Amino acid sequence: MKRTQGGMTLISFIIVLAVVGVFIYMGMKLIPMYSEYYAVKRALSEMSTDAAVEHADPAKIRDLFFRRLYISYSDNVGKEDFKIERKDAGYLITVDYEVRKPLIGNLDIVGRFNATQELRRRGG
């Protein structure tokens, strides 16, 4: 009985390597976008527990938020993406932004992110 070898050919190995390479390259583009989004969410949640924000006006809240983002090296969130509105006994902050990164040639990766946080004022 003759035994044949099984396995991939060189061509199929190169194709698999190319597909894996494309996914790794896409991951290198996506991971910074999502880490920035989680930095935005972290900044918002920290602000909701910060005593300095409790009695601050909207301009001061905006300044504190962007200071926290500056520490996290977040470049894609602009002043126009930050909205603050009065709600009940506090404020509702909405950060809605889009990130566009070039992928290959004329193809781009586009991420749309939205984060909200309610800031409540405590009596005192």
PDB file of N, CA and C in Angstrom:
ATOM      1  N   MET A   1       0.829  -1.177   0.000  1.00  0.00           N
ATOM      2  CA  MET A   1       0.000   0.000   0.000  1.00  0.00           C
ATOM      3  C   MET A   1       0.884   1.255   0.000  1.00  0.00           C
ATOM      4  N   LYS A   2       0.643   2.174  -0.899  1.00  0.00           N
ATOM      5  CA  LYS A   2       1.452   3.376  -1.042  1.00  0.00           C
ATOM      6  C   LYS A   2       0.881   4.481  -0.148  1.00  0.00           C
ATOM      7  N   ARG A   3       1.757   5.138   0.605  1.00  0.00           N
ATOM      8  CA  ARG A   3       1.336   6.245   1.475  1.00  0.00           C
ATOM      9  C   ARG A   3       1.624   7.570   0.779  1.00  0.00           C
ATOM     10  N   THR A   4       0.627   8.466   0.785  1.00  0.00           N
ATOM     11  CA  THR A   4       0.835   9.788   0.198  1.00  0.00           C
ATOM     12  C   THR A   4       0.941  10.815   1.314  1.00  0.00           C
ATOM     13  N   GLN A   5       1.707  11.810   1.050  1.00  0.00           N
ATOM     14  CA  GLN A   5       1.858  12.871   2.035  1.00  0.00           C
ATOM     15  C   GLN A   5       0.668  13.817   1.950  1.00  0.00           C
ATOM     16  N   GLY A   6       0.241  14.295   3.096  1.00  0.00           N
ATOM     17  CA  GLY A   6      -0.847  15.265   3.140  1.00  0.00           C
ATOM     18  C   GLY A   6      -0.304  16.590   3.643  1.00  0.00           C
ATOM     19  N   GLY A   7      -0.954  17.664   3.292  1.00  0.00           N
ATOM     20  CA  GLY A   7      -0.524  18.979   3.752  1.00  0.00           C
ATOM     21  C   GLY A   7      -0.811  20.043   2.724  1.00  0.00           C
ATOM     22  N   MET A   8      -0.341  21.224   3.023  1.00  0.00           N
ATOM     23  CA  MET A   8      -0.578  22.349   2.127  1.00  0.00           C
ATOM     24  C   MET A   8       0.555  22.463   1.117  1.00  0.00           C
ATOM     25  N   THR A   9       0.182  22.955  -0.026  1.00  0.00           N
ATOM     26  CA  THR A   9       1.205  23.263  -1.024  1.00  0.00           C
ATOM     27  C   THR A   9       1.778  24.647  -0.722  1.00  0.00           C
ATOM     28  N   LEU A  10       2.820  25.008  -1.383  1.00  0.00           N
ATOM     29  CA  LEU A  10       3.432  26.310  -1.176  1.00  0.00           C
ATOM     30  C   LEU A  10       2.475  27.434  -1.546  1.00  0.00           C
ATOM     31  N   ILE A  11       1.738  27.260  -2.622  1.00  0.00           N
ATOM     32  CA  ILE A  11       0.780  28.287  -3.061  1.00  0.00           C
ATOM     33  C   ILE A  11      -0.313  28.473  -2.005  1.00  0.00           C
ATOM     34  N   SER A  12      -0.880  27.396  -1.491  1.00  0.00           N
ATOM     35  CA  SER A  12      -1.943  27.527  -0.487  1.00  0.00           C
ATOM     36  C   SER A  12      -1.391  28.127   0.799  1.00  0.00           C
ATOM     37  N   PHE A  13      -0.147  27.828   1.144  1.00  0.00           N
ATOM     38  CA  PHE A  13       0.469  28.425   2.326  1.00  0.00           C
ATOM     39  C   PHE A  13       0.633  29.930   2.149  1.00  0.00           C
ATOM     40  N   ILE A  14       1.029  30.382   0.972  1.00  0.00           N
ATOM     41  CA  ILE A  14       1.182  31.806   0.700  1.00  0.00           C
ATOM     42  C   ILE A  14      -0.172  32.507   0.744  1.00  0.00           C
ATOM     43  N   ILE A  15      -1.216  31.866   0.228  1.00  0.00           N
ATOM     44  CA  ILE A  15      -2.564  32.454   0.263  1.00  0.00           C
ATOM     45  C   ILE A  15      -3.038  32.594   1.700  1.00  0.00           C
ATOM     46  N   VAL A  16      -2.858  31.560   2.512  1.00  0.00           N
ATOM     47  CA  VAL A  16      -3.252  31.625   3.921  1.00  0.00           C
ATOM     48  C   VAL A  16      -2.466  32.722   4.633  1.00  0.00           C
ATOM     49  N   LEU A  17      -1.175  32.819   4.364  1.00  0.00           N
ATOM     50  CA  LEU A  17      -0.346  33.862   4.957  1.00  0.00           C
ATOM     51  C   LEU A  17      -0.841  35.251   4.560  1.00  0.00           C
ATOM     52  N   ALA A  18      -1.236  35.438   3.310  1.00  0.00           N
ATOM     53  CA  ALA A  18      -1.738  36.736   2.848  1.00  0.00           C
ATOM     54  C   ALA A  18      -3.043  37.101   3.550  1.00  0.00           C
ATOM     55  N   VAL A  19      -3.947  36.137   3.696  1.00  0.00           N
ATOM     56  CA  VAL A  19      -5.227  36.401   4.367  1.00  0.00           C
ATOM     57  C   VAL A  19      -4.988  36.757   5.829  1.00  0.00           C
ATOM     58  N   VAL A  20      -4.140  36.005   6.497  1.00  0.00           N
ATOM     59  CA  VAL A  20      -3.821  36.297   7.896  1.00  0.00           C
ATOM     60  C   VAL A  20      -3.158  37.670   8.006  1.00  0.00           C
ATOM     61  N   GLY A  21      -2.282  38.005   7.075  1.00  0.00           N
ATOM     62  CA  GLY A  21      -1.620  39.308   7.076  1.00  0.00           C
ATOM     63  C   GLY A  21      -2.603  40.459   6.936  1.00  0.00           C
ATOM     64  N   VAL A  22      -3.610  40.291   6.074  1.00  0.00           N
ATOM     65  CA  VAL A  22      -4.629  41.339   5.902  1.00  0.00           C
ATOM     66  C   VAL A  22      -5.412  41.532   7.192  1.00  0.00           C
ATOM     67  N   PHE A  23      -5.774  40.448   7.863  1.00  0.00           N
ATOM     68  CA  PHE A  23      -6.514  40.566   9.121  1.00  0.00           C
ATOM     69  C   PHE A  23      -5.662  41.198  10.220  1.00  0.00           C
ATOM     70  N   ILE A  24      -4.399  40.892  10.264  1.00  0.00           N
ATOM     71  CA  ILE A  24      -3.510  41.523  11.250  1.00  0.00           C
ATOM     72  C   ILE A  24      -3.372  43.011  10.951  1.00  0.00           C
ATOM     73  N   TYR A  25      -3.250  43.356   9.684  1.00  0.00           N
ATOM     74  CA  TYR A  25      -3.144  44.762   9.289  1.00  0.00           C
ATOM     75  C   TYR A  25      -4.416  45.527   9.655  1.00  0.00           C
ATOM     76  N   MET A  26      -5.577  44.910   9.435  1.00  0.00           N
ATOM     77  CA  MET A  26      -6.846  45.541   9.813  1.00  0.00           C
ATOM     78  C   MET A  26      -6.921  45.715  11.326  1.00  0.00           C
ATOM     79  N   GLY A  27      -6.449  44.738  12.062  1.00  0.00           N
ATOM     80  CA  GLY A  27      -6.434  44.845  13.516  1.00  0.00           C
ATOM     81  C   GLY A  27      -5.554  45.987  13.989  1.00  0.00           C
ATOM     82  N   MET A  28      -4.446  46.202  13.289  1.00  0.00           N
ATOM     83  CA  MET A  28      -3.560  47.307  13.650  1.00  0.00           C
ATOM     84  C   MET A  28      -4.228  48.663  13.416  1.00  0.00           C
ATOM     85  N   LYS A  29      -5.183  48.717  12.522  1.00  0.00           N
ATOM     86  CA  LYS A  29      -5.924  49.956  12.281  1.00  0.00           C
ATOM     87  C   LYS A  29      -7.101  50.106  13.249  1.00  0.00           C
ATOM     88  N   LEU A  30      -7.736  48.990  13.611  1.00  0.00           N
ATOM     89  CA  LEU A  30      -8.935  49.038  14.442  1.00  0.00           C
ATOM     90  C   LEU A  30      -8.641  49.190  15.934  1.00  0.00           C
ATOM     91  N   ILE A  31      -7.600  48.569  16.419  1.00  0.00           N
ATOM     92  CA  ILE A  31      -7.329  48.585  17.858  1.00  0.00           C
ATOM     93  C   ILE A  31      -7.132  50.004  18.398  1.00  0.00           C
ATOM     94  N   PRO A  32      -6.367  50.882  17.738  1.00  0.00           N
ATOM     95  CA  PRO A  32      -6.265  52.258  18.261  1.00  0.00           C
ATOM     96  C   PRO A  32      -7.600  53.007  18.265  1.00  0.00           C
ATOM     97  N   MET A  33      -8.466  52.732  17.285  1.00  0.00           N
ATOM     98  CA  MET A  33      -9.770  53.391  17.254  1.00  0.00           C
ATOM     99  C   MET A  33     -10.599  52.997  18.470  1.00  0.00           C
ATOM    100  N   TYR A  34     -10.600  51.707  18.794  1.00  0.00           N
ATOM    101  CA  TYR A  34     -11.379  51.249  19.930  1.00  0.00           C
ATOM    102  C   TYR A  34     -10.738  51.606  21.259  1.00  0.00           C
ATOM    103  N   SER A  35      -9.430  51.663  21.327  1.00  0.00           N
ATOM    104  CA  SER A  35      -8.801  52.074  22.584  1.00  0.00           C
ATOM    105  C   SER A  35      -9.097  53.551  22.871  1.00  0.00           C
ATOM    106  N   GLU A  36      -9.193  54.368  21.806  1.00  0.00           N
ATOM    107  CA  GLU A  36      -9.586  55.756  21.997  1.00  0.00           C
ATOM    108  C   GLU A  36     -11.028  55.859  22.473  1.00  0.00           C
ATOM    109  N   TYR A  37     -11.900  55.032  21.915  1.00  0.00           N
ATOM    110  CA  TYR A  37     -13.297  55.033  22.342  1.00  0.00           C
ATOM    111  C   TYR A  37     -13.416  54.661  23.825  1.00  0.00           C
ATOM    112  N   TYR A  38     -12.648  53.669  24.259  1.00  0.00           N
ATOM    113  CA  TYR A  38     -12.698  53.282  25.668  1.00  0.00           C
ATOM    114  C   TYR A  38     -12.066  54.357  26.553  1.00  0.00           C
ATOM    115  N   ALA A  39     -11.135  55.143  26.037  1.00  0.00           N
ATOM    116  CA  ALA A  39     -10.595  56.283  26.785  1.00  0.00           C
ATOM    117  C   ALA A  39     -11.664  57.360  26.962  1.00  0.00           C
ATOM    118  N   VAL A  40     -12.483  57.570  25.934  1.00  0.00           N
ATOM    119  CA  VAL A  40     -13.590  58.524  26.031  1.00  0.00           C
ATOM    120  C   VAL A  40     -14.588  58.054  27.081  1.00  0.00           C
ATOM    121  N   LYS A  41     -14.951  56.770  27.029  1.00  0.00           N
ATOM    122  CA  LYS A  41     -15.907  56.235  28.007  1.00  0.00           C
ATOM    123  C   LYS A  41     -15.345  56.303  29.425  1.00  0.00           C
ATOM    124  N   ARG A  42     -14.042  56.039  29.569  1.00  0.00           N
ATOM    125  CA  ARG A  42     -13.416  56.086  30.886  1.00  0.00           C
ATOM    126  C   ARG A  42     -13.403  57.523  31.411  1.00  0.00           C
ATOM    127  N   ALA A  43     -13.098  58.494  30.544  1.00  0.00           N
ATOM    128  CA  ALA A  43     -13.094  59.896  30.957  1.00  0.00           C
ATOM    129  C   ALA A  43     -14.484  60.340  31.399  1.00  0.00           C
ATOM    130  N   LEU A  44     -15.500  59.900  30.678  1.00  0.00           N
ATOM    131  CA  LEU A  44     -16.868  60.263  31.053  1.00  0.00           C
ATOM    132  C   LEU A  44     -17.269  59.634  32.390  1.00  0.00           C
ATOM    133  N   SER A  45     -16.937  58.367  32.584  1.00  0.00           N
ATOM    134  CA  SER A  45     -17.330  57.718  33.838  1.00  0.00           C
ATOM    135  C   SER A  45     -16.553  58.289  35.025  1.00  0.00           C
ATOM    136  N   GLU A  46     -15.284  58.667  34.821  1.00  0.00           N
ATOM    137  CA  GLU A  46     -14.523  59.300  35.897  1.00  0.00           C
ATOM    138  C   GLU A  46     -15.107  60.653  36.252  1.00  0.00           C
ATOM    139  N   MET A  47     -15.598  61.362  35.246  1.00  0.00           N
ATOM    140  CA  MET A  47     -16.191  62.672  35.513  1.00  0.00           C
ATOM    141  C   MET A  47     -17.468  62.551  36.333  1.00  0.00           C
ATOM    142  N   SER A  48     -18.197  61.457  36.165  1.00  0.00           N
ATOM    143  CA  SER A  48     -19.446  61.308  36.903  1.00  0.00           C
ATOM    144  C   SER A  48     -19.212  61.101  38.392  1.00  0.00           C
ATOM    145  N   THR A  49     -17.999  60.705  38.774  1.00  0.00           N
ATOM    146  CA  THR A  49     -17.696  60.503  40.197  1.00  0.00           C
ATOM    147  C   THR A  49     -16.769  61.571  40.756  1.00  0.00           C
ATOM    148  N   ASP A  50     -16.360  62.526  39.942  1.00  0.00           N
ATOM    149  CA  ASP A  50     -15.425  63.562  40.365  1.00  0.00           C
ATOM    150  C   ASP A  50     -16.162  64.673  41.100  1.00  0.00           C
ATOM    151  N   ALA A  51     -15.679  65.018  42.282  1.00  0.00           N
ATOM    152  CA  ALA A  51     -16.317  66.076  43.074  1.00  0.00           C
ATOM    153  C   ALA A  51     -16.122  67.450  42.443  1.00  0.00           C
ATOM    154  N   ALA A  52     -15.037  67.645  41.680  1.00  0.00           N
ATOM    155  CA  ALA A  52     -14.788  68.943  41.042  1.00  0.00           C
ATOM    156  C   ALA A  52     -15.801  69.234  39.944  1.00  0.00           C
ATOM    157  N   VAL A  53     -16.381  68.210  39.370  1.00  0.00           N
ATOM    158  CA  VAL A  53     -17.339  68.383  38.285  1.00  0.00           C
ATOM    159  C   VAL A  53     -18.743  68.651  38.821  1.00  0.00           C
ATOM    160  N   GLU A  54     -18.960  68.258  40.050  1.00  0.00           N
ATOM    161  CA  GLU A  54     -20.307  68.301  40.626  1.00  0.00           C
ATOM    162  C   GLU A  54     -20.962  69.671  40.542  1.00  0.00           C
ATOM    163  N   HIS A  55     -20.235  70.738  40.808  1.00  0.00           N
ATOM    164  CA  HIS A  55     -20.820  72.087  40.784  1.00  0.00           C
ATOM    165  C   HIS A  55     -20.198  72.961  39.704  1.00  0.00           C
ATOM    166  N   ALA A  56     -19.604  72.340  38.687  1.00  0.00           N
ATOM    167  CA  ALA A  56     -18.960  73.097  37.612  1.00  0.00           C
ATOM    168  C   ALA A  56     -19.979  73.497  36.546  1.00  0.00           C
ATOM    169  N   ASP A  57     -19.659  74.576  35.841  1.00  0.00           N
ATOM    170  CA  ASP A  57     -20.511  74.998  34.730  1.00  0.00           C
ATOM    171  C   ASP A  57     -20.122  74.206  33.473  1.00  0.00           C
ATOM    172  N   PRO A  58     -20.933  74.254  32.419  1.00  0.00           N
ATOM    173  CA  PRO A  58     -20.649  73.457  31.208  1.00  0.00           C
ATOM    174  C   PRO A  58     -19.282  73.720  30.581  1.00  0.00           C
ATOM    175  N   ALA A  59     -18.809  74.963  30.594  1.00  0.00           N
ATOM    176  CA  ALA A  59     -17.496  75.247  30.007  1.00  0.00           C
ATOM    177  C   ALA A  59     -16.384  74.559  30.802  1.00  0.00           C
ATOM    178  N   LYS A  60     -16.497  74.550  32.105  1.00  0.00           N
ATOM    179  CA  LYS A  60     -15.501  73.891  32.950  1.00  0.00           C
ATOM    180  C   LYS A  60     -15.560  72.372  32.767  1.00  0.00           C
ATOM    181  N   ILE A  61     -16.768  71.821  32.627  1.00  0.00           N
ATOM    182  CA  ILE A  61     -16.926  70.380  32.396  1.00  0.00           C
ATOM    183  C   ILE A  61     -16.273  69.994  31.079  1.00  0.00           C
ATOM    184  N   ARG A  62     -16.494  70.797  30.043  1.00  0.00           N
ATOM    185  CA  ARG A  62     -15.873  70.544  28.734  1.00  0.00           C
ATOM    186  C   ARG A  62     -14.354  70.574  28.850  1.00  0.00           C
ATOM    187  N   ASP A  63     -13.829  71.558  29.565  1.00  0.00           N
ATOM    188  CA  ASP A  63     -12.381  71.674  29.744  1.00  0.00           C
ATOM    189  C   ASP A  63     -11.822  70.457  30.490  1.00  0.00           C
ATOM    190  N   LEU A  64     -12.491  70.028  31.534  1.00  0.00           N
ATOM    191  CA  LEU A  64     -12.034  68.854  32.297  1.00  0.00           C
ATOM    192  C   LEU A  64     -12.063  67.586  31.448  1.00  0.00           C
ATOM    193  N   PHE A  65     -13.081  67.453  30.607  1.00  0.00           N
ATOM    194  CA  PHE A  65     -13.175  66.282  29.740  1.00  0.00           C
ATOM    195  C   PHE A  65     -12.007  66.240  28.754  1.00  0.00           C
ATOM    196  N   PHE A  66     -11.732  67.362  28.094  1.00  0.00           N
ATOM    197  CA  PHE A  66     -10.661  67.365  27.099  1.00  0.00           C
ATOM    198  C   PHE A  66      -9.275  67.276  27.742  1.00  0.00           C
ATOM    199  N   ARG A  67      -9.127  67.694  28.984  1.00  0.00           N
ATOM    200  CA  ARG A  67      -7.868  67.464  29.692  1.00  0.00           C
ATOM    201  C   ARG A  67      -7.649  65.974  29.917  1.00  0.00           C
ATOM    202  N   ARG A  68      -8.706  65.271  30.255  1.00  0.00           N
ATOM    203  CA  ARG A  68      -8.596  63.820  30.449  1.00  0.00           C
ATOM    204  C   ARG A  68      -8.284  63.122  29.127  1.00  0.00           C
ATOM    205  N   LEU A  69      -8.873  63.579  28.044  1.00  0.00           N
ATOM    206  CA  LEU A  69      -8.561  62.981  26.744  1.00  0.00           C
ATOM    207  C   LEU A  69      -7.139  63.288  26.302  1.00  0.00           C
ATOM    208  N   TYR A  70      -6.642  64.463  26.642  1.00  0.00           N
ATOM    209  CA  TYR A  70      -5.276  64.824  26.284  1.00  0.00           C
ATOM    210  C   TYR A  70      -4.287  63.861  26.938  1.00  0.00           C
ATOM    211  N   ILE A  71      -4.571  63.463  28.163  1.00  0.00           N
ATOM    212  CA  ILE A  71      -3.715  62.513  28.867  1.00  0.00           C
ATOM    213  C   ILE A  71      -3.736  61.158  28.172  1.00  0.00           C
ATOM    214  N   SER A  72      -4.857  60.789  27.576  1.00  0.00           N
ATOM    215  CA  SER A  72      -5.002  59.498  26.907  1.00  0.00           C
ATOM    216  C   SER A  72      -4.549  59.525  25.447  1.00  0.00           C
ATOM    217  N   TYR A  73      -4.017  60.636  24.978  1.00  0.00           N
ATOM    218  CA  TYR A  73      -3.560  60.786  23.587  1.00  0.00           C
ATOM    219  C   TYR A  73      -4.686  60.561  22.584  1.00  0.00           C
ATOM    220  N   SER A  74      -5.844  61.086  22.865  1.00  0.00           N
ATOM    221  CA  SER A  74      -6.980  60.965  21.953  1.00  0.00           C
ATOM    222  C   SER A  74      -6.993  62.168  21.022  1.00  0.00           C
ATOM    223  N   ASP A  75      -6.855  61.905  19.731  1.00  0.00           N
ATOM    224  CA  ASP A  75      -6.759  62.985  18.756  1.00  0.00           C
ATOM    225  C   ASP A  75      -8.009  63.170  17.902  1.00  0.00           C
ATOM    226  N   ASN A  76      -8.894  62.193  17.878  1.00  0.00           N
ATOM    227  CA  ASN A  76     -10.006  62.218  16.934  1.00  0.00           C
ATOM    228  C   ASN A  76     -11.276  62.862  17.472  1.00  0.00           C
ATOM    229  N   VAL A  77     -11.322  63.180  18.742  1.00  0.00           N
ATOM    230  CA  VAL A  77     -12.506  63.809  19.321  1.00  0.00           C
ATOM    231  C   VAL A  77     -12.268  65.305  19.360  1.00  0.00           C
ATOM    232  N   GLY A  78     -13.149  66.033  18.678  1.00  0.00           N
ATOM    233  CA  GLY A  78     -13.019  67.488  18.623  1.00  0.00           C
ATOM    234  C   GLY A  78     -14.062  68.176  19.472  1.00  0.00           C
ATOM    235  N   LYS A  79     -13.911  69.476  19.588  1.00  0.00           N
ATOM    236  CA  LYS A  79     -14.852  70.276  20.389  1.00  0.00           C
ATOM    237  C   LYS A  79     -16.280  70.166  19.844  1.00  0.00           C
ATOM    238  N   GLU A  80     -16.402  70.025  18.519  1.00  0.00           N
ATOM    239  CA  GLU A  80     -17.739  69.930  17.915  1.00  0.00           C
ATOM    240  C   GLU A  80     -18.406  68.580  18.183  1.00  0.00           C
ATOM    241  N   ASP A  81     -17.641  67.589  18.612  1.00  0.00           N
ATOM    242  CA  ASP A  81     -18.193  66.259  18.893  1.00  0.00           C
ATOM    243  C   ASP A  81     -18.735  66.143  20.319  1.00  0.00           C
ATOM    244  N   PHE A  82     -18.446  67.113  21.155  1.00  0.00           N
ATOM    245  CA  PHE A  82     -18.839  67.103  22.563  1.00  0.00           C
ATOM    246  C   PHE A  82     -20.083  67.955  22.741  1.00  0.00           C
ATOM    247  N   LYS A  83     -21.154  67.346  23.230  1.00  0.00           N
ATOM    248  CA  LYS A  83     -22.409  68.077  23.466  1.00  0.00           C
ATOM    249  C   LYS A  83     -22.788  67.909  24.931  1.00  0.00           C
ATOM    250  N   ILE A  84     -23.192  69.002  25.535  1.00  0.00           N
ATOM    251  CA  ILE A  84     -23.645  68.947  26.926  1.00  0.00           C
ATOM    252  C   ILE A  84     -24.984  69.674  27.001  1.00  0.00           C
ATOM    253  N   GLU A  85     -25.940  69.042  27.657  1.00  0.00           N
ATOM    254  CA  GLU A  85     -27.253  69.658  27.808  1.00  0.00           C
ATOM    255  C   GLU A  85     -27.766  69.405  29.212  1.00  0.00           C
ATOM    256  N   ARG A  86     -28.566  70.341  29.675  1.00  0.00           N
ATOM    257  CA  ARG A  86     -29.116  70.236  31.015  1.00  0.00           C
ATOM    258  C   ARG A  86     -30.181  69.149  31.043  1.00  0.00           C
ATOM    259  N   LYS A  87     -30.141  68.335  32.099  1.00  0.00           N
ATOM    260  CA  LYS A  87     -31.140  67.287  32.263  1.00  0.00           C
ATOM    261  C   LYS A  87     -31.425  67.130  33.741  1.00  0.00           C
ATOM    262  N   ASP A  88     -32.658  67.341  34.114  1.00  0.00           N
ATOM    263  CA  ASP A  88     -33.107  67.213  35.506  1.00  0.00           C
ATOM    264  C   ASP A  88     -32.188  68.004  36.436  1.00  0.00           C
ATOM    265  N   ALA A  89     -31.522  67.314  37.348  1.00  0.00           N
ATOM    266  CA  ALA A  89     -30.668  67.984  38.330  1.00  0.00           C
ATOM    267  C   ALA A  89     -29.200  67.872  37.945  1.00  0.00           C
ATOM    268  N   GLY A  90     -28.904  67.850  36.673  1.00  0.00           N
ATOM    269  CA  GLY A  90     -27.515  67.720  36.249  1.00  0.00           C
ATOM    270  C   GLY A  90     -27.372  67.974  34.765  1.00  0.00           C
ATOM    271  N   TYR A  91     -26.445  67.254  34.149  1.00  0.00           N
ATOM    272  CA  TYR A  91     -26.177  67.410  32.725  1.00  0.00           C
ATOM    273  C   TYR A  91     -26.112  66.047  32.059  1.00  0.00           C
ATOM    274  N   LEU A  92     -26.401  66.033  30.771  1.00  0.00           N
ATOM    275  CA  LEU A  92     -26.215  64.848  29.946  1.00  0.00           C
ATOM    276  C   LEU A  92     -25.138  65.186  28.923  1.00  0.00           C
ATOM    277  N   ILE A  93     -24.048  64.410  28.960  1.00  0.00           N
ATOM    278  CA  ILE A  93     -22.934  64.630  28.041  1.00  0.00           C
ATOM    279  C   ILE A  93     -22.998  63.560  26.965  1.00  0.00           C
ATOM    280  N   THR A  94     -22.899  63.998  25.712  1.00  0.00           N
ATOM    281  CA  THR A  94     -22.870  63.086  24.572  1.00  0.00           C
ATOM    282  C   THR A  94     -21.627  63.381  23.749  1.00  0.00           C
ATOM    283  N   VAL A  95     -20.869  62.341  23.475  1.00  0.00           N
ATOM    284  CA  VAL A  95     -19.698  62.454  22.610  1.00  0.00           C
ATOM    285  C   VAL A  95     -19.969  61.555  21.408  1.00  0.00           C
ATOM    286  N   ASP A  96     -20.139  62.171  20.240  1.00  0.00           N
ATOM    287  CA  ASP A  96     -20.492  61.456  19.012  1.00  0.00           C
ATOM    288  C   ASP A  96     -19.465  61.845  17.945  1.00  0.00           C
ATOM    289  N   TYR A  97     -18.652  60.879  17.530  1.00  0.00           N
ATOM    290  CA  TYR A  97     -17.590  61.204  16.574  1.00  0.00           C
ATOM    291  C   TYR A  97     -17.347  60.048  15.614  1.00  0.00           C
ATOM    292  N   GLU A  98     -16.620  60.369  14.558  1.00  0.00           N
ATOM    293  CA  GLU A  98     -16.304  59.397  13.524  1.00  0.00           C
ATOM    294  C   GLU A  98     -14.796  59.400  13.275  1.00  0.00           C
ATOM    295  N   VAL A  99     -14.250  58.205  13.101  1.00  0.00           N
ATOM    296  CA  VAL A  99     -12.825  58.059  12.805  1.00  0.00           C
ATOM    297  C   VAL A  99     -12.701  57.363  11.458  1.00  0.00           C
ATOM    298  N   ARG A 100     -11.887  57.937  10.586  1.00  0.00           N
ATOM    299  CA  ARG A 100     -11.662  57.364   9.259  1.00  0.00           C
ATOM    300  C   ARG A 100     -10.167  57.145   9.090  1.00  0.00           C
ATOM    301  N   LYS A 101      -9.782  55.890   8.863  1.00  0.00           N
ATOM    302  CA  LYS A 101      -8.371  55.540   8.677  1.00  0.00           C
ATOM    303  C   LYS A 101      -8.207  54.880   7.313  1.00  0.00           C
ATOM    304  N   PRO A 102      -7.172  55.267   6.551  1.00  0.00           N
ATOM    305  CA  PRO A 102      -6.937  54.596   5.265  1.00  0.00           C
ATOM    306  C   PRO A 102      -6.513  53.150   5.489  1.00  0.00           C
ATOM    307  N   LEU A 103      -7.020  52.258   4.642  1.00  0.00           N
ATOM    308  CA  LEU A 103      -6.688  50.840   4.778  1.00  0.00           C
ATOM    309  C   LEU A 103      -5.726  50.434   3.667  1.00  0.00           C
ATOM    310  N   ILE A 104      -6.259  50.201   2.491  1.00  0.00           N
ATOM    311  CA  ILE A 104      -5.444  49.795   1.351  1.00  0.00           C
ATOM    312  C   ILE A 104      -5.929  50.578   0.140  1.00  0.00           C
ATOM    313  N   GLY A 105      -5.042  51.307  -0.484  1.00  0.00           N
ATOM    314  CA  GLY A 105      -5.427  52.065  -1.677  1.00  0.00           C
ATOM    315  C   GLY A 105      -6.482  53.099  -1.356  1.00  0.00           C
ATOM    316  N   ASN A 106      -7.635  52.977  -2.021  1.00  0.00           N
ATOM    317  CA  ASN A 106      -8.711  53.933  -1.790  1.00  0.00           C
ATOM    318  C   ASN A 106      -9.765  53.392  -0.825  1.00  0.00           C
ATOM    319  N   LEU A 107      -9.463  52.328  -0.108  1.00  0.00           N
ATOM    320  CA  LEU A 107     -10.385  51.774   0.891  1.00  0.00           C
ATOM    321  C   LEU A 107     -10.053  52.342   2.270  1.00  0.00           C
ATOM    322  N   ASP A 108     -11.092  52.739   2.982  1.00  0.00           N
ATOM    323  CA  ASP A 108     -10.943  53.284   4.327  1.00  0.00           C
ATOM    324  C   ASP A 108     -11.699  52.425   5.324  1.00  0.00           C
ATOM    325  N   ILE A 109     -11.240  52.458   6.564  1.00  0.00           N
ATOM    326  CA  ILE A 109     -12.000  51.894   7.683  1.00  0.00           C
ATOM    327  C   ILE A 109     -12.648  53.069   8.388  1.00  0.00           C
ATOM    328  N   VAL A 110     -13.964  53.000   8.585  1.00  0.00           N
ATOM    329  CA  VAL A 110     -14.705  54.077   9.219  1.00  0.00           C
ATOM    330  C   VAL A 110     -15.334  53.531  10.491  1.00  0.00           C
ATOM    331  N   GLY A 111     -15.091  54.220  11.588  1.00  0.00           N
ATOM    332  CA  GLY A 111     -15.706  53.854  12.859  1.00  0.00           C
ATOM    333  C   GLY A 111     -16.532  55.014  13.365  1.00  0.00           C
ATOM    334  N   ARG A 112     -17.788  54.750  13.723  1.00  0.00           N
ATOM    335  CA  ARG A 112     -18.662  55.766  14.311  1.00  0.00           C
ATOM    336  C   ARG A 112     -18.870  55.399  15.762  1.00  0.00           C
ATOM    337  N   PHE A 113     -18.580  56.330  16.642  1.00  0.00           N
ATOM    338  CA  PHE A 113     -18.631  56.064  18.069  1.00  0.00           C
ATOM    339  C   PHE A 113     -19.535  57.071  18.754  1.00  0.00           C
ATOM    340  N   ASN A 114     -20.267  56.590  19.755  1.00  0.00           N
ATOM    341  CA  ASN A 114     -21.172  57.429  20.525  1.00  0.00           C
ATOM    342  C   ASN A 114     -21.105  56.990  21.972  1.00  0.00           C
ATOM    343  N   ALA A 115     -20.850  57.936  22.859  1.00  0.00           N
ATOM    344  CA  ALA A 115     -20.814  57.649  24.290  1.00  0.00           C
ATOM    345  C   ALA A 115     -21.608  58.729  25.010  1.00  0.00           C
ATOM    346  N   THR A 116     -22.382  58.332  25.991  1.00  0.00           N
ATOM    347  CA  THR A 116     -23.150  59.287  26.787  1.00  0.00           C
ATOM    348  C   THR A 116     -22.904  59.023  28.264  1.00  0.00           C
ATOM    349  N   GLN A 117     -23.031  60.076  29.039  1.00  0.00           N
ATOM    350  CA  GLN A 117     -22.891  59.961  30.486  1.00  0.00           C
ATOM    351  C   GLN A 117     -23.747  61.041  31.140  1.00  0.00           C
ATOM    352  N   GLU A 118     -24.447  60.663  32.170  1.00  0.00           N
ATOM    353  CA  GLU A 118     -25.259  61.622  32.909  1.00  0.00           C
ATOM    354  C   GLU A 118     -24.490  62.054  34.150  1.00  0.00           C
ATOM    355  N   LEU A 119     -24.394  63.359  34.329  1.00  0.00           N
ATOM    356  CA  LEU A 119     -23.757  63.919  35.512  1.00  0.00           C
ATOM    357  C   LEU A 119     -24.848  64.451  36.413  1.00  0.00           C
ATOM    358  N   ARG A 120     -24.922  63.926  37.588  1.00  0.00           N
ATOM    359  CA  ARG A 120     -25.935  64.371  38.553  1.00  0.00           C
ATOM    360  C   ARG A 120     -25.308  65.294  39.580  1.00  0.00           C
ATOM    361  N   ARG A 121     -26.045  66.308  39.913  1.00  0.00           N
ATOM    362  CA  ARG A 121     -25.600  67.218  40.990  1.00  0.00           C
ATOM    363  C   ARG A 121     -26.217  66.741  42.287  1.00  0.00           C
ATOM    364  N   ARG A 122     -25.372  66.606  43.266  1.00  0.00           N
ATOM    365  CA  ARG A 122     -25.863  66.210  44.591  1.00  0.00           C
ATOM    366  C   ARG A 122     -26.164  67.459  45.388  1.00  0.00           C
ATOM    367  N   GLY A 123     -27.090  67.360  46.277  1.00  0.00           N
ATOM    368  CA  GLY A 123     -27.439  68.518  47.114  1.00  0.00           C
ATOM    369  C   GLY A 123     -26.317  68.853  48.077  1.00  0.00           C
ATOM    370  N   GLY A 124     -26.151  70.117  48.375  1.00  0.00           N
ATOM    371  CA  GLY A 124     -25.116  70.462  49.349  1.00  0.00           C
ATOM    372  C   GLY A 124     -24.534  71.755  49.153  1.00  0.00           C
TER     373      GLY A 124
END
